[in-house]
Amino acid sequence: MIIVSFFMLLLTILTFMTNKNSKNGVRAIVEDAKFVGTHFANNR
């Protein structure tokens, strides 16, 4: 579970760094976090 949380945090950081110049950066981070969270929740 700690590995999944770390992966989600890393993905969020990478997404933020990629989209930091975009207005929709925060929204993209939220959507990615929800997608990854539900993905791992369904696989567990």
PDB file of N, CA and C in Angstrom:
ATOM      1  N   MET A   1       0.838  -1.206   0.000  1.00  0.00           N
ATOM      2  CA  MET A   1       0.000   0.000   0.000  1.00  0.00           C
ATOM      3  C   MET A   1       0.869   1.251   0.000  1.00  0.00           C
ATOM      4  N   ILE A   2       2.011   1.189   0.675  1.00  0.00           N
ATOM      5  CA  ILE A   2       2.925   2.338   0.696  1.00  0.00           C
ATOM      6  C   ILE A   2       3.501   2.568  -0.696  1.00  0.00           C
ATOM      7  N   ILE A   3       3.770   1.469  -1.415  1.00  0.00           N
ATOM      8  CA  ILE A   3       4.332   1.603  -2.767  1.00  0.00           C
ATOM      9  C   ILE A   3       3.317   2.269  -3.688  1.00  0.00           C
ATOM     10  N   VAL A   4       2.055   1.905  -3.541  1.00  0.00           N
ATOM     11  CA  VAL A   4       1.020   2.507  -4.386  1.00  0.00           C
ATOM     12  C   VAL A   4       0.909   4.001  -4.105  1.00  0.00           C
ATOM     13  N   SER A   5       0.945   4.369  -2.829  1.00  0.00           N
ATOM     14  CA  SER A   5       0.861   5.788  -2.473  1.00  0.00           C
ATOM     15  C   SER A   5       2.061   6.551  -3.019  1.00  0.00           C
ATOM     16  N   PHE A   6       3.241   5.945  -2.929  1.00  0.00           N
ATOM     17  CA  PHE A   6       4.444   6.598  -3.454  1.00  0.00           C
ATOM     18  C   PHE A   6       4.340   6.775  -4.961  1.00  0.00           C
ATOM     19  N   PHE A   7       3.824   5.748  -5.653  1.00  0.00           N
ATOM     20  CA  PHE A   7       3.662   5.828  -7.105  1.00  0.00           C
ATOM     21  C   PHE A   7       2.677   6.929  -7.477  1.00  0.00           C
ATOM     22  N   MET A   8       1.581   7.023  -6.732  1.00  0.00           N
ATOM     23  CA  MET A   8       0.594   8.078  -7.001  1.00  0.00           C
ATOM     24  C   MET A   8       1.207   9.452  -6.789  1.00  0.00           C
ATOM     25  N   LEU A   9       2.015   9.587  -5.727  1.00  0.00           N
ATOM     26  CA  LEU A   9       2.663  10.869  -5.457  1.00  0.00           C
ATOM     27  C   LEU A   9       3.637  11.217  -6.568  1.00  0.00           C
ATOM     28  N   LEU A  10       4.406  10.234  -7.018  1.00  0.00           N
ATOM     29  CA  LEU A  10       5.367  10.465  -8.094  1.00  0.00           C
ATOM     30  C   LEU A  10       4.642  10.864  -9.378  1.00  0.00           C
ATOM     31  N   LEU A  11       3.553  10.171  -9.674  1.00  0.00           N
ATOM     32  CA  LEU A  11       2.782  10.498 -10.874  1.00  0.00           C
ATOM     33  C   LEU A  11       2.224  11.913 -10.799  1.00  0.00           C
ATOM     34  N   THR A  12       1.761  12.288  -9.615  1.00  0.00           N
ATOM     35  CA  THR A  12       1.225  13.638  -9.437  1.00  0.00           C
ATOM     36  C   THR A  12       2.303  14.685  -9.647  1.00  0.00           C
ATOM     37  N   ILE A  13       3.509  14.422  -9.107  1.00  0.00           N
ATOM     38  CA  ILE A  13       4.604  15.380  -9.268  1.00  0.00           C
ATOM     39  C   ILE A  13       4.992  15.501 -10.732  1.00  0.00           C
ATOM     40  N   LEU A  14       5.098  14.375 -11.417  1.00  0.00           N
ATOM     41  CA  LEU A  14       5.476  14.407 -12.833  1.00  0.00           C
ATOM     42  C   LEU A  14       4.422  15.134 -13.653  1.00  0.00           C
ATOM     43  N   THR A  15       3.154  14.884 -13.329  1.00  0.00           N
ATOM     44  CA  THR A  15       2.077  15.553 -14.056  1.00  0.00           C
ATOM     45  C   THR A  15       2.124  17.055 -13.819  1.00  0.00           C
ATOM     46  N   PHE A  16       2.384  17.447 -12.561  1.00  0.00           N
ATOM     47  CA  PHE A  16       2.445  18.870 -12.240  1.00  0.00           C
ATOM     48  C   PHE A  16       3.608  19.534 -12.968  1.00  0.00           C
ATOM     49  N   MET A  17       4.763  18.864 -13.028  1.00  0.00           N
ATOM     50  CA  MET A  17       5.920  19.432 -13.707  1.00  0.00           C
ATOM     51  C   MET A  17       5.655  19.559 -15.192  1.00  0.00           C
ATOM     52  N   THR A  18       4.892  18.614 -15.744  1.00  0.00           N
ATOM     53  CA  THR A  18       4.601  18.647 -17.180  1.00  0.00           C
ATOM     54  C   THR A  18       3.587  19.732 -17.516  1.00  0.00           C
ATOM     55  N   ASN A  19       2.599  19.907 -16.635  1.00  0.00           N
ATOM     56  CA  ASN A  19       1.482  20.812 -16.933  1.00  0.00           C
ATOM     57  C   ASN A  19       1.532  22.089 -16.106  1.00  0.00           C
ATOM     58  N   LYS A  20       2.697  22.429 -15.536  1.00  0.00           N
ATOM     59  CA  LYS A  20       2.750  23.597 -14.645  1.00  0.00           C
ATOM     60  C   LYS A  20       2.505  24.898 -15.415  1.00  0.00           C
ATOM     61  N   ASN A  21       2.736  24.898 -16.737  1.00  0.00           N
ATOM     62  CA  ASN A  21       2.509  26.111 -17.515  1.00  0.00           C
ATOM     63  C   ASN A  21       1.112  26.156 -18.122  1.00  0.00           C
ATOM     64  N   SER A  22       0.300  25.143 -17.811  1.00  0.00           N
ATOM     65  CA  SER A  22      -1.043  25.070 -18.379  1.00  0.00           C
ATOM     66  C   SER A  22      -2.081  25.450 -17.337  1.00  0.00           C
ATOM     67  N   LYS A  23      -3.160  26.094 -17.798  1.00  0.00           N
ATOM     68  CA  LYS A  23      -4.235  26.461 -16.877  1.00  0.00           C
ATOM     69  C   LYS A  23      -4.922  25.220 -16.326  1.00  0.00           C
ATOM     70  N   ASN A  24      -4.960  24.150 -17.119  1.00  0.00           N
ATOM     71  CA  ASN A  24      -5.663  22.939 -16.710  1.00  0.00           C
ATOM     72  C   ASN A  24      -4.737  21.966 -15.975  1.00  0.00           C
ATOM     73  N   GLY A  25      -3.574  22.430 -15.546  1.00  0.00           N
ATOM     74  CA  GLY A  25      -2.623  21.551 -14.870  1.00  0.00           C
ATOM     75  C   GLY A  25      -3.198  20.930 -13.614  1.00  0.00           C
ATOM     76  N   VAL A  26      -3.821  21.760 -12.785  1.00  0.00           N
ATOM     77  CA  VAL A  26      -4.379  21.254 -11.530  1.00  0.00           C
ATOM     78  C   VAL A  26      -5.496  20.260 -11.813  1.00  0.00           C
ATOM     79  N   ARG A  27      -6.332  20.590 -12.783  1.00  0.00           N
ATOM     80  CA  ARG A  27      -7.441  19.684 -13.119  1.00  0.00           C
ATOM     81  C   ARG A  27      -6.901  18.351 -13.633  1.00  0.00           C
ATOM     82  N   ALA A  28      -5.849  18.401 -14.440  1.00  0.00           N
ATOM     83  CA  ALA A  28      -5.248  17.171 -14.957  1.00  0.00           C
ATOM     84  C   ALA A  28      -4.683  16.333 -13.819  1.00  0.00           C
ATOM     85  N   ILE A  29      -4.070  16.991 -12.834  1.00  0.00           N
ATOM     86  CA  ILE A  29      -3.523  16.266 -11.682  1.00  0.00           C
ATOM     87  C   ILE A  29      -4.639  15.550 -10.940  1.00  0.00           C
ATOM     88  N   VAL A  30      -5.750  16.250 -10.727  1.00  0.00           N
ATOM     89  CA  VAL A  30      -6.875  15.651  -9.993  1.00  0.00           C
ATOM     90  C   VAL A  30      -7.428  14.461 -10.763  1.00  0.00           C
ATOM     91  N   GLU A  31      -7.596  14.632 -12.079  1.00  0.00           N
ATOM     92  CA  GLU A  31      -8.154  13.540 -12.881  1.00  0.00           C
ATOM     93  C   GLU A  31      -7.209  12.341 -12.885  1.00  0.00           C
ATOM     94  N   ASP A  32      -5.900  12.582 -13.015  1.00  0.00           N
ATOM     95  CA  ASP A  32      -4.938  11.480 -13.005  1.00  0.00           C
ATOM     96  C   ASP A  32      -4.930  10.787 -11.652  1.00  0.00           C
ATOM     97  N   ALA A  33      -5.007  11.559 -10.582  1.00  0.00           N
ATOM     98  CA  ALA A  33      -5.014  10.964  -9.241  1.00  0.00           C
ATOM     99  C   ALA A  33      -6.244  10.076  -9.056  1.00  0.00           C
ATOM    100  N   LYS A  34      -7.402  10.558  -9.530  1.00  0.00           N
ATOM    101  CA  LYS A  34      -8.621   9.760  -9.419  1.00  0.00           C
ATOM    102  C   LYS A  34      -8.508   8.493 -10.262  1.00  0.00           C
ATOM    103  N   PHE A  35      -7.982   8.628 -11.474  1.00  0.00           N
ATOM    104  CA  PHE A  35      -7.864   7.474 -12.370  1.00  0.00           C
ATOM    105  C   PHE A  35      -6.930   6.429 -11.783  1.00  0.00           C
ATOM    106  N   VAL A  36      -5.765   6.872 -11.307  1.00  0.00           N
ATOM    107  CA  VAL A  36      -4.797   5.933 -10.738  1.00  0.00           C
ATOM    108  C   VAL A  36      -5.353   5.306  -9.466  1.00  0.00           C
ATOM    109  N   GLY A  37      -6.015   6.119  -8.651  1.00  0.00           N
ATOM    110  CA  GLY A  37      -6.574   5.601  -7.405  1.00  0.00           C
ATOM    111  C   GLY A  37      -7.617   4.527  -7.658  1.00  0.00           C
ATOM    112  N   THR A  38      -8.521   4.783  -8.600  1.00  0.00           N
ATOM    113  CA  THR A  38      -9.558   3.791  -8.893  1.00  0.00           C
ATOM    114  C   THR A  38      -8.949   2.574  -9.565  1.00  0.00           C
ATOM    115  N   HIS A  39      -7.928   2.774 -10.389  1.00  0.00           N
ATOM    116  CA  HIS A  39      -7.280   1.666 -11.091  1.00  0.00           C
ATOM    117  C   HIS A  39      -6.671   0.693 -10.093  1.00  0.00           C
ATOM    118  N   PHE A  40      -5.886   1.224  -9.142  1.00  0.00           N
ATOM    119  CA  PHE A  40      -5.261   0.351  -8.154  1.00  0.00           C
ATOM    120  C   PHE A  40      -6.296  -0.223  -7.195  1.00  0.00           C
ATOM    121  N   ALA A  41      -7.336   0.537  -6.903  1.00  0.00           N
ATOM    122  CA  ALA A  41      -8.378   0.045  -5.997  1.00  0.00           C
ATOM    123  C   ALA A  41      -9.098  -1.146  -6.638  1.00  0.00           C
ATOM    124  N   ASN A  42      -9.299  -1.091  -7.952  1.00  0.00           N
ATOM    125  CA  ASN A  42      -9.987  -2.190  -8.632  1.00  0.00           C
ATOM    126  C   ASN A  42      -9.086  -3.414  -8.753  1.00  0.00           C
ATOM    127  N   ASN A  43      -7.763  -3.201  -8.825  1.00  0.00           N
ATOM    128  CA  ASN A  43      -6.842  -4.323  -8.959  1.00  0.00           C
ATOM    129  C   ASN A  43      -6.550  -4.993  -7.623  1.00  0.00           C
ATOM    130  N   ARG A  44      -6.749  -4.290  -6.523  1.00  0.00           N
ATOM    131  CA  ARG A  44      -6.445  -4.871  -5.207  1.00  0.00           C
ATOM    132  C   ARG A  44      -7.502  -5.889  -4.817  1.00  0.00           C
TER     133      ARG A  44
END
